[in-house]
Amino acid sequence: MEKLKVSYEGLKGNEKGIFLDITCFFRGYDLKDVVSFLLQGRGFSLEYVIRVVIDKSLIKIDQYGFVRMHKLVENMGREIVRQ
């Protein structure tokens, strides 16, 4: 878990928040829906933030446009939220 946290710790404030939102609520959703939901709640453009989270290998977008993440990354994000 600590090795996975290195990528998370490299994120900035908004990036961390978006990653945790995706981890807790939007895993398996269509990326267009995720961006729409988060845009309503956050009020700023998410394309850059989503790209950063993908580049850090915390999430990936499958060939159909759905948000995916490894179960260990999901568990790490949920543990961060619990703490």
PDB file of N, CA and C in Angstrom:
ATOM      1  N   MET A   1       0.827  -1.198   0.000  1.00  0.00           N
ATOM      2  CA  MET A   1       0.000   0.000   0.000  1.00  0.00           C
ATOM      3  C   MET A   1       0.871   1.263   0.000  1.00  0.00           C
ATOM      4  N   GLU A   2       1.955   1.235   0.751  1.00  0.00           N
ATOM      5  CA  GLU A   2       2.814   2.431   0.824  1.00  0.00           C
ATOM      6  C   GLU A   2       3.454   2.743  -0.522  1.00  0.00           C
ATOM      7  N   LYS A   3       3.801   1.732  -1.294  1.00  0.00           N
ATOM      8  CA  LYS A   3       4.400   1.969  -2.615  1.00  0.00           C
ATOM      9  C   LYS A   3       3.388   2.588  -3.564  1.00  0.00           C
ATOM     10  N   LEU A   4       2.139   2.192  -3.441  1.00  0.00           N
ATOM     11  CA  LEU A   4       1.096   2.777  -4.276  1.00  0.00           C
ATOM     12  C   LEU A   4       0.831   4.233  -3.901  1.00  0.00           C
ATOM     13  N   LYS A   5       1.031   4.552  -2.635  1.00  0.00           N
ATOM     14  CA  LYS A   5       0.756   5.904  -2.145  1.00  0.00           C
ATOM     15  C   LYS A   5       1.694   6.944  -2.744  1.00  0.00           C
ATOM     16  N   VAL A   6       2.840   6.508  -3.272  1.00  0.00           N
ATOM     17  CA  VAL A   6       3.796   7.446  -3.859  1.00  0.00           C
ATOM     18  C   VAL A   6       3.148   8.220  -5.006  1.00  0.00           C
ATOM     19  N   SER A   7       2.411   7.529  -5.867  1.00  0.00           N
ATOM     20  CA  SER A   7       1.730   8.208  -6.978  1.00  0.00           C
ATOM     21  C   SER A   7       0.671   9.169  -6.452  1.00  0.00           C
ATOM     22  N   TYR A   8      -0.061   8.745  -5.438  1.00  0.00           N
ATOM     23  CA  TYR A   8      -1.091   9.604  -4.856  1.00  0.00           C
ATOM     24  C   TYR A   8      -0.465  10.847  -4.237  1.00  0.00           C
ATOM     25  N   GLU A   9       0.613  10.684  -3.515  1.00  0.00           N
ATOM     26  CA  GLU A   9       1.258  11.816  -2.840  1.00  0.00           C
ATOM     27  C   GLU A   9       1.815  12.830  -3.838  1.00  0.00           C
ATOM     28  N   GLY A  10       2.075  12.396  -5.072  1.00  0.00           N
ATOM     29  CA  GLY A  10       2.571  13.293  -6.102  1.00  0.00           C
ATOM     30  C   GLY A  10       1.494  14.179  -6.710  1.00  0.00           C
ATOM     31  N   LEU A  11       0.247  13.945  -6.352  1.00  0.00           N
ATOM     32  CA  LEU A  11      -0.857  14.755  -6.867  1.00  0.00           C
ATOM     33  C   LEU A  11      -1.009  16.043  -6.065  1.00  0.00           C
ATOM     34  N   LYS A  12      -1.564  17.055  -6.704  1.00  0.00           N
ATOM     35  CA  LYS A  12      -1.878  18.312  -6.021  1.00  0.00           C
ATOM     36  C   LYS A  12      -3.258  18.214  -5.404  1.00  0.00           C
ATOM     37  N   GLY A  13      -3.685  19.218  -4.665  1.00  0.00           N
ATOM     38  CA  GLY A  13      -4.945  19.206  -3.921  1.00  0.00           C
ATOM     39  C   GLY A  13      -6.173  18.814  -4.721  1.00  0.00           C
ATOM     40  N   ASN A  14      -6.452  19.536  -5.818  1.00  0.00           N
ATOM     41  CA  ASN A  14      -7.615  19.219  -6.643  1.00  0.00           C
ATOM     42  C   ASN A  14      -7.501  17.842  -7.267  1.00  0.00           C
ATOM     43  N   GLU A  15      -6.297  17.477  -7.665  1.00  0.00           N
ATOM     44  CA  GLU A  15      -6.065  16.174  -8.285  1.00  0.00           C
ATOM     45  C   GLU A  15      -6.346  15.054  -7.288  1.00  0.00           C
ATOM     46  N   LYS A  16      -5.923  15.234  -6.055  1.00  0.00           N
ATOM     47  CA  LYS A  16      -6.195  14.236  -5.018  1.00  0.00           C
ATOM     48  C   LYS A  16      -7.698  14.081  -4.801  1.00  0.00           C
ATOM     49  N   GLY A  17      -8.395  15.209  -4.739  1.00  0.00           N
ATOM     50  CA  GLY A  17      -9.836  15.170  -4.527  1.00  0.00           C
ATOM     51  C   GLY A  17     -10.572  14.455  -5.644  1.00  0.00           C
ATOM     52  N   ILE A  18     -10.191  14.736  -6.879  1.00  0.00           N
ATOM     53  CA  ILE A  18     -10.828  14.081  -8.025  1.00  0.00           C
ATOM     54  C   ILE A  18     -10.540  12.589  -8.002  1.00  0.00           C
ATOM     55  N   PHE A  19      -9.291  12.211  -7.740  1.00  0.00           N
ATOM     56  CA  PHE A  19      -8.947  10.796  -7.666  1.00  0.00           C
ATOM     57  C   PHE A  19      -9.778  10.092  -6.595  1.00  0.00           C
ATOM     58  N   LEU A  20      -9.896  10.686  -5.429  1.00  0.00           N
ATOM     59  CA  LEU A  20     -10.665  10.058  -4.352  1.00  0.00           C
ATOM     60  C   LEU A  20     -12.151   9.979  -4.692  1.00  0.00           C
ATOM     61  N   ASP A  21     -12.680  10.994  -5.363  1.00  0.00           N
ATOM     62  CA  ASP A  21     -14.078  10.935  -5.811  1.00  0.00           C
ATOM     63  C   ASP A  21     -14.287   9.769  -6.771  1.00  0.00           C
ATOM     64  N   ILE A  22     -13.385   9.640  -7.722  1.00  0.00           N
ATOM     65  CA  ILE A  22     -13.492   8.542  -8.693  1.00  0.00           C
ATOM     66  C   ILE A  22     -13.374   7.203  -7.987  1.00  0.00           C
ATOM     67  N   THR A  23     -12.429   7.099  -7.063  1.00  0.00           N
ATOM     68  CA  THR A  23     -12.224   5.839  -6.337  1.00  0.00           C
ATOM     69  C   THR A  23     -13.474   5.420  -5.580  1.00  0.00           C
ATOM     70  N   CYS A  24     -14.091   6.353  -4.916  1.00  0.00           N
ATOM     71  CA  CYS A  24     -15.219   6.009  -4.045  1.00  0.00           C
ATOM     72  C   CYS A  24     -16.548   5.897  -4.783  1.00  0.00           C
ATOM     73  N   PHE A  25     -16.720   6.629  -5.869  1.00  0.00           N
ATOM     74  CA  PHE A  25     -18.046   6.710  -6.472  1.00  0.00           C
ATOM     75  C   PHE A  25     -18.142   6.315  -7.942  1.00  0.00           C
ATOM     76  N   PHE A  26     -17.069   6.449  -8.711  1.00  0.00           N
ATOM     77  CA  PHE A  26     -17.211   6.396 -10.161  1.00  0.00           C
ATOM     78  C   PHE A  26     -16.403   5.303 -10.865  1.00  0.00           C
ATOM     79  N   ARG A  27     -15.860   4.364 -10.154  1.00  0.00           N
ATOM     80  CA  ARG A  27     -15.142   3.266 -10.804  1.00  0.00           C
ATOM     81  C   ARG A  27     -16.132   2.466 -11.646  1.00  0.00           C
ATOM     82  N   GLY A  28     -15.808   2.260 -12.921  1.00  0.00           N
ATOM     83  CA  GLY A  28     -16.680   1.522 -13.813  1.00  0.00           C
ATOM     84  C   GLY A  28     -17.679   2.369 -14.576  1.00  0.00           C
ATOM     85  N   TYR A  29     -17.731   3.674 -14.282  1.00  0.00           N
ATOM     86  CA  TYR A  29     -18.637   4.578 -14.992  1.00  0.00           C
ATOM     87  C   TYR A  29     -18.011   5.013 -16.320  1.00  0.00           C
ATOM     88  N   ASP A  30     -18.854   5.454 -17.223  1.00  0.00           N
ATOM     89  CA  ASP A  30     -18.402   6.048 -18.472  1.00  0.00           C
ATOM     90  C   ASP A  30     -17.704   7.374 -18.142  1.00  0.00           C
ATOM     91  N   LEU A  31     -16.556   7.625 -18.755  1.00  0.00           N
ATOM     92  CA  LEU A  31     -15.787   8.831 -18.469  1.00  0.00           C
ATOM     93  C   LEU A  31     -16.608  10.096 -18.715  1.00  0.00           C
ATOM     94  N   LYS A  32     -17.436  10.116 -19.747  1.00  0.00           N
ATOM     95  CA  LYS A  32     -18.269  11.299 -20.020  1.00  0.00           C
ATOM     96  C   LYS A  32     -19.209  11.586 -18.854  1.00  0.00           C
ATOM     97  N   ASP A  33     -19.773  10.546 -18.263  1.00  0.00           N
ATOM     98  CA  ASP A  33     -20.658  10.729 -17.110  1.00  0.00           C
ATOM     99  C   ASP A  33     -19.877  11.217 -15.893  1.00  0.00           C
ATOM    100  N   VAL A  34     -18.695  10.669 -15.693  1.00  0.00           N
ATOM    101  CA  VAL A  34     -17.852  11.079 -14.556  1.00  0.00           C
ATOM    102  C   VAL A  34     -17.521  12.562 -14.671  1.00  0.00           C
ATOM    103  N   VAL A  35     -17.086  12.977 -15.849  1.00  0.00           N
ATOM    104  CA  VAL A  35     -16.736  14.390 -16.052  1.00  0.00           C
ATOM    105  C   VAL A  35     -17.964  15.271 -15.823  1.00  0.00           C
ATOM    106  N   SER A  36     -19.117  14.846 -16.300  1.00  0.00           N
ATOM    107  CA  SER A  36     -20.349  15.621 -16.117  1.00  0.00           C
ATOM    108  C   SER A  36     -20.704  15.756 -14.639  1.00  0.00           C
ATOM    109  N   PHE A  37     -20.674  14.648 -13.891  1.00  0.00           N
ATOM    110  CA  PHE A  37     -20.985  14.683 -12.459  1.00  0.00           C
ATOM    111  C   PHE A  37     -19.998  15.566 -11.700  1.00  0.00           C
ATOM    112  N   LEU A  38     -18.713  15.373 -11.962  1.00  0.00           N
ATOM    113  CA  LEU A  38     -17.700  16.123 -11.221  1.00  0.00           C
ATOM    114  C   LEU A  38     -17.690  17.595 -11.592  1.00  0.00           C
ATOM    115  N   LEU A  39     -17.985  17.900 -12.845  1.00  0.00           N
ATOM    116  CA  LEU A  39     -18.045  19.297 -13.273  1.00  0.00           C
ATOM    117  C   LEU A  39     -19.149  20.035 -12.537  1.00  0.00           C
ATOM    118  N   GLN A  40     -20.281  19.380 -12.329  1.00  0.00           N
ATOM    119  CA  GLN A  40     -21.383  19.994 -11.596  1.00  0.00           C
ATOM    120  C   GLN A  40     -20.977  20.309 -10.160  1.00  0.00           C
ATOM    121  N   GLY A  41     -20.227  19.401  -9.537  1.00  0.00           N
ATOM    122  CA  GLY A  41     -19.834  19.584  -8.150  1.00  0.00           C
ATOM    123  C   GLY A  41     -18.620  20.459  -7.953  1.00  0.00           C
ATOM    124  N   ARG A  42     -17.709  20.442  -8.906  1.00  0.00           N
ATOM    125  CA  ARG A  42     -16.450  21.168  -8.748  1.00  0.00           C
ATOM    126  C   ARG A  42     -16.440  22.521  -9.442  1.00  0.00           C
ATOM    127  N   GLY A  43     -17.082  22.603 -10.599  1.00  0.00           N
ATOM    128  CA  GLY A  43     -17.168  23.875 -11.297  1.00  0.00           C
ATOM    129  C   GLY A  43     -15.922  24.300 -12.042  1.00  0.00           C
ATOM    130  N   PHE A  44     -15.001  23.397 -12.339  1.00  0.00           N
ATOM    131  CA  PHE A  44     -13.845  23.746 -13.149  1.00  0.00           C
ATOM    132  C   PHE A  44     -13.551  22.607 -14.121  1.00  0.00           C
ATOM    133  N   SER A  45     -12.790  22.920 -15.135  1.00  0.00           N
ATOM    134  CA  SER A  45     -12.479  21.944 -16.183  1.00  0.00           C
ATOM    135  C   SER A  45     -11.667  20.774 -15.615  1.00  0.00           C
ATOM    136  N   LEU A  46     -12.078  19.582 -15.953  1.00  0.00           N
ATOM    137  CA  LEU A  46     -11.461  18.394 -15.380  1.00  0.00           C
ATOM    138  C   LEU A  46     -10.531  17.648 -16.324  1.00  0.00           C
ATOM    139  N   GLU A  47     -10.476  18.041 -17.582  1.00  0.00           N
ATOM    140  CA  GLU A  47      -9.689  17.281 -18.549  1.00  0.00           C
ATOM    141  C   GLU A  47      -8.227  17.152 -18.114  1.00  0.00           C
ATOM    142  N   TYR A  48      -7.641  18.282 -17.677  1.00  0.00           N
ATOM    143  CA  TYR A  48      -6.244  18.250 -17.241  1.00  0.00           C
ATOM    144  C   TYR A  48      -6.066  17.353 -16.028  1.00  0.00           C
ATOM    145  N   VAL A  49      -6.936  17.486 -15.052  1.00  0.00           N
ATOM    146  CA  VAL A  49      -6.833  16.690 -13.821  1.00  0.00           C
ATOM    147  C   VAL A  49      -6.973  15.203 -14.128  1.00  0.00           C
ATOM    148  N   ILE A  50      -7.932  14.855 -14.967  1.00  0.00           N
ATOM    149  CA  ILE A  50      -8.122  13.444 -15.337  1.00  0.00           C
ATOM    150  C   ILE A  50      -6.866  12.926 -16.034  1.00  0.00           C
ATOM    151  N   ARG A  51      -6.272  13.726 -16.920  1.00  0.00           N
ATOM    152  CA  ARG A  51      -5.055  13.315 -17.630  1.00  0.00           C
ATOM    153  C   ARG A  51      -3.915  13.075 -16.633  1.00  0.00           C
ATOM    154  N   VAL A  52      -3.768  13.932 -15.635  1.00  0.00           N
ATOM    155  CA  VAL A  52      -2.714  13.758 -14.630  1.00  0.00           C
ATOM    156  C   VAL A  52      -2.919  12.453 -13.866  1.00  0.00           C
ATOM    157  N   VAL A  53      -4.145  12.171 -13.453  1.00  0.00           N
ATOM    158  CA  VAL A  53      -4.439  10.951 -12.697  1.00  0.00           C
ATOM    159  C   VAL A  53      -4.179   9.713 -13.564  1.00  0.00           C
ATOM    160  N   ILE A  54      -4.481   9.799 -14.846  1.00  0.00           N
ATOM    161  CA  ILE A  54      -4.180   8.695 -15.758  1.00  0.00           C
ATOM    162  C   ILE A  54      -2.667   8.541 -15.909  1.00  0.00           C
ATOM    163  N   ASP A  55      -1.960   9.661 -16.085  1.00  0.00           N
ATOM    164  CA  ASP A  55      -0.509   9.610 -16.252  1.00  0.00           C
ATOM    165  C   ASP A  55       0.203   9.041 -15.030  1.00  0.00           C
ATOM    166  N   LYS A  56      -0.375   9.224 -13.864  1.00  0.00           N
ATOM    167  CA  LYS A  56       0.197   8.658 -12.635  1.00  0.00           C
ATOM    168  C   LYS A  56      -0.173   7.184 -12.471  1.00  0.00           C
ATOM    169  N   SER A  57      -0.906   6.638 -13.446  1.00  0.00           N
ATOM    170  CA  SER A  57      -1.338   5.231 -13.457  1.00  0.00           C
ATOM    171  C   SER A  57      -2.278   4.884 -12.307  1.00  0.00           C
ATOM    172  N   LEU A  58      -3.028   5.859 -11.851  1.00  0.00           N
ATOM    173  CA  LEU A  58      -3.993   5.599 -10.786  1.00  0.00           C
ATOM    174  C   LEU A  58      -5.330   5.139 -11.351  1.00  0.00           C
ATOM    175  N   ILE A  59      -5.671   5.630 -12.547  1.00  0.00           N
ATOM    176  CA  ILE A  59      -6.865   5.146 -13.237  1.00  0.00           C
ATOM    177  C   ILE A  59      -6.486   4.918 -14.690  1.00  0.00           C
ATOM    178  N   LYS A  60      -7.332   4.201 -15.406  1.00  0.00           N
ATOM    179  CA  LYS A  60      -7.180   4.092 -16.851  1.00  0.00           C
ATOM    180  C   LYS A  60      -8.566   4.098 -17.465  1.00  0.00           C
ATOM    181  N   ILE A  61      -8.600   4.445 -18.736  1.00  0.00           N
ATOM    182  CA  ILE A  61      -9.847   4.479 -19.483  1.00  0.00           C
ATOM    183  C   ILE A  61      -9.782   3.331 -20.482  1.00  0.00           C
ATOM    184  N   ASP A  62     -10.755   2.423 -20.411  1.00  0.00           N
ATOM    185  CA  ASP A  62     -10.717   1.259 -21.302  1.00  0.00           C
ATOM    186  C   ASP A  62     -11.157   1.652 -22.710  1.00  0.00           C
ATOM    187  N   GLN A  63     -11.145   0.692 -23.608  1.00  0.00           N
ATOM    188  CA  GLN A  63     -11.443   0.959 -25.015  1.00  0.00           C
ATOM    189  C   GLN A  63     -12.869   1.433 -25.258  1.00  0.00           C
ATOM    190  N   TYR A  64     -13.742   1.224 -24.293  1.00  0.00           N
ATOM    191  CA  TYR A  64     -15.134   1.650 -24.421  1.00  0.00           C
ATOM    192  C   TYR A  64     -15.412   2.974 -23.724  1.00  0.00           C
ATOM    193  N   GLY A  65     -14.385   3.568 -23.083  1.00  0.00           N
ATOM    194  CA  GLY A  65     -14.539   4.857 -22.430  1.00  0.00           C
ATOM    195  C   GLY A  65     -14.928   4.780 -20.967  1.00  0.00           C
ATOM    196  N   PHE A  66     -14.789   3.589 -20.351  1.00  0.00           N
ATOM    197  CA  PHE A  66     -15.143   3.431 -18.948  1.00  0.00           C
ATOM    198  C   PHE A  66     -13.909   3.575 -18.064  1.00  0.00           C
ATOM    199  N   VAL A  67     -14.121   4.136 -16.873  1.00  0.00           N
ATOM    200  CA  VAL A  67     -13.047   4.342 -15.910  1.00  0.00           C
ATOM    201  C   VAL A  67     -12.743   3.014 -15.216  1.00  0.00           C
ATOM    202  N   ARG A  68     -11.482   2.632 -15.238  1.00  0.00           N
ATOM    203  CA  ARG A  68     -11.031   1.397 -14.596  1.00  0.00           C
ATOM    204  C   ARG A  68      -9.861   1.710 -13.672  1.00  0.00           C
ATOM    205  N   MET A  69      -9.695   0.881 -12.667  1.00  0.00           N
ATOM    206  CA  MET A  69      -8.519   0.986 -11.798  1.00  0.00           C
ATOM    207  C   MET A  69      -8.272  -0.369 -11.163  1.00  0.00           C
ATOM    208  N   HIS A  70      -7.032  -0.584 -10.802  1.00  0.00           N
ATOM    209  CA  HIS A  70      -6.673  -1.838 -10.147  1.00  0.00           C
ATOM    210  C   HIS A  70      -7.308  -1.869  -8.764  1.00  0.00           C
ATOM    211  N   LYS A  71      -7.684  -3.041  -8.339  1.00  0.00           N
ATOM    212  CA  LYS A  71      -8.350  -3.202  -7.033  1.00  0.00           C
ATOM    213  C   LYS A  71      -7.463  -2.690  -5.889  1.00  0.00           C
ATOM    214  N   LEU A  72      -6.144  -2.877  -5.985  1.00  0.00           N
ATOM    215  CA  LEU A  72      -5.249  -2.378  -4.934  1.00  0.00           C
ATOM    216  C   LEU A  72      -5.254  -0.846  -4.876  1.00  0.00           C
ATOM    217  N   VAL A  73      -5.318  -0.200  -6.039  1.00  0.00           N
ATOM    218  CA  VAL A  73      -5.376   1.267  -6.083  1.00  0.00           C
ATOM    219  C   VAL A  73      -6.707   1.739  -5.497  1.00  0.00           C
ATOM    220  N   GLU A  74      -7.768   1.041  -5.836  1.00  0.00           N
ATOM    221  CA  GLU A  74      -9.077   1.377  -5.267  1.00  0.00           C
ATOM    222  C   GLU A  74      -9.058   1.237  -3.744  1.00  0.00           C
ATOM    223  N   ASN A  75      -8.504   0.150  -3.251  1.00  0.00           N
ATOM    224  CA  ASN A  75      -8.426  -0.056  -1.792  1.00  0.00           C
ATOM    225  C   ASN A  75      -7.587   1.031  -1.125  1.00  0.00           C
ATOM    226  N   MET A  76      -6.487   1.428  -1.764  1.00  0.00           N
ATOM    227  CA  MET A  76      -5.653   2.481  -1.211  1.00  0.00           C
ATOM    228  C   MET A  76      -6.452   3.780  -1.107  1.00  0.00           C
ATOM    229  N   GLY A  77      -7.169   4.145  -2.178  1.00  0.00           N
ATOM    230  CA  GLY A  77      -7.956   5.381  -2.162  1.00  0.00           C
ATOM    231  C   GLY A  77      -9.033   5.356  -1.099  1.00  0.00           C
ATOM    232  N   ARG A  78      -9.702   4.241  -0.956  1.00  0.00           N
ATOM    233  CA  ARG A  78     -10.741   4.153   0.061  1.00  0.00           C
ATOM    234  C   ARG A  78     -10.153   4.200   1.473  1.00  0.00           C
ATOM    235  N   GLU A  79      -8.983   3.638   1.646  1.00  0.00           N
ATOM    236  CA  GLU A  79      -8.323   3.692   2.962  1.00  0.00           C
ATOM    237  C   GLU A  79      -7.925   5.116   3.296  1.00  0.00           C
ATOM    238  N   ILE A  80      -7.465   5.869   2.294  1.00  0.00           N
ATOM    239  CA  ILE A  80      -7.131   7.281   2.509  1.00  0.00           C
ATOM    240  C   ILE A  80      -8.370   8.047   2.952  1.00  0.00           C
ATOM    241  N   VAL A  81      -9.495   7.791   2.308  1.00  0.00           N
ATOM    242  CA  VAL A  81     -10.740   8.462   2.688  1.00  0.00           C
ATOM    243  C   VAL A  81     -11.151   8.068   4.098  1.00  0.00           C
ATOM    244  N   ARG A  82     -11.017   6.813   4.442  1.00  0.00           N
ATOM    245  CA  ARG A  82     -11.403   6.352   5.800  1.00  0.00           C
ATOM    246  C   ARG A  82     -10.569   7.031   6.883  1.00  0.00           C
ATOM    247  N   GLN A  83      -9.293   7.294   6.574  1.00  0.00           N
ATOM    248  CA  GLN A  83      -8.415   7.895   7.576  1.00  0.00           C
ATOM    249  C   GLN A  83      -8.778   9.350   7.756  1.00  0.00           C
TER     250      GLN A  83
END
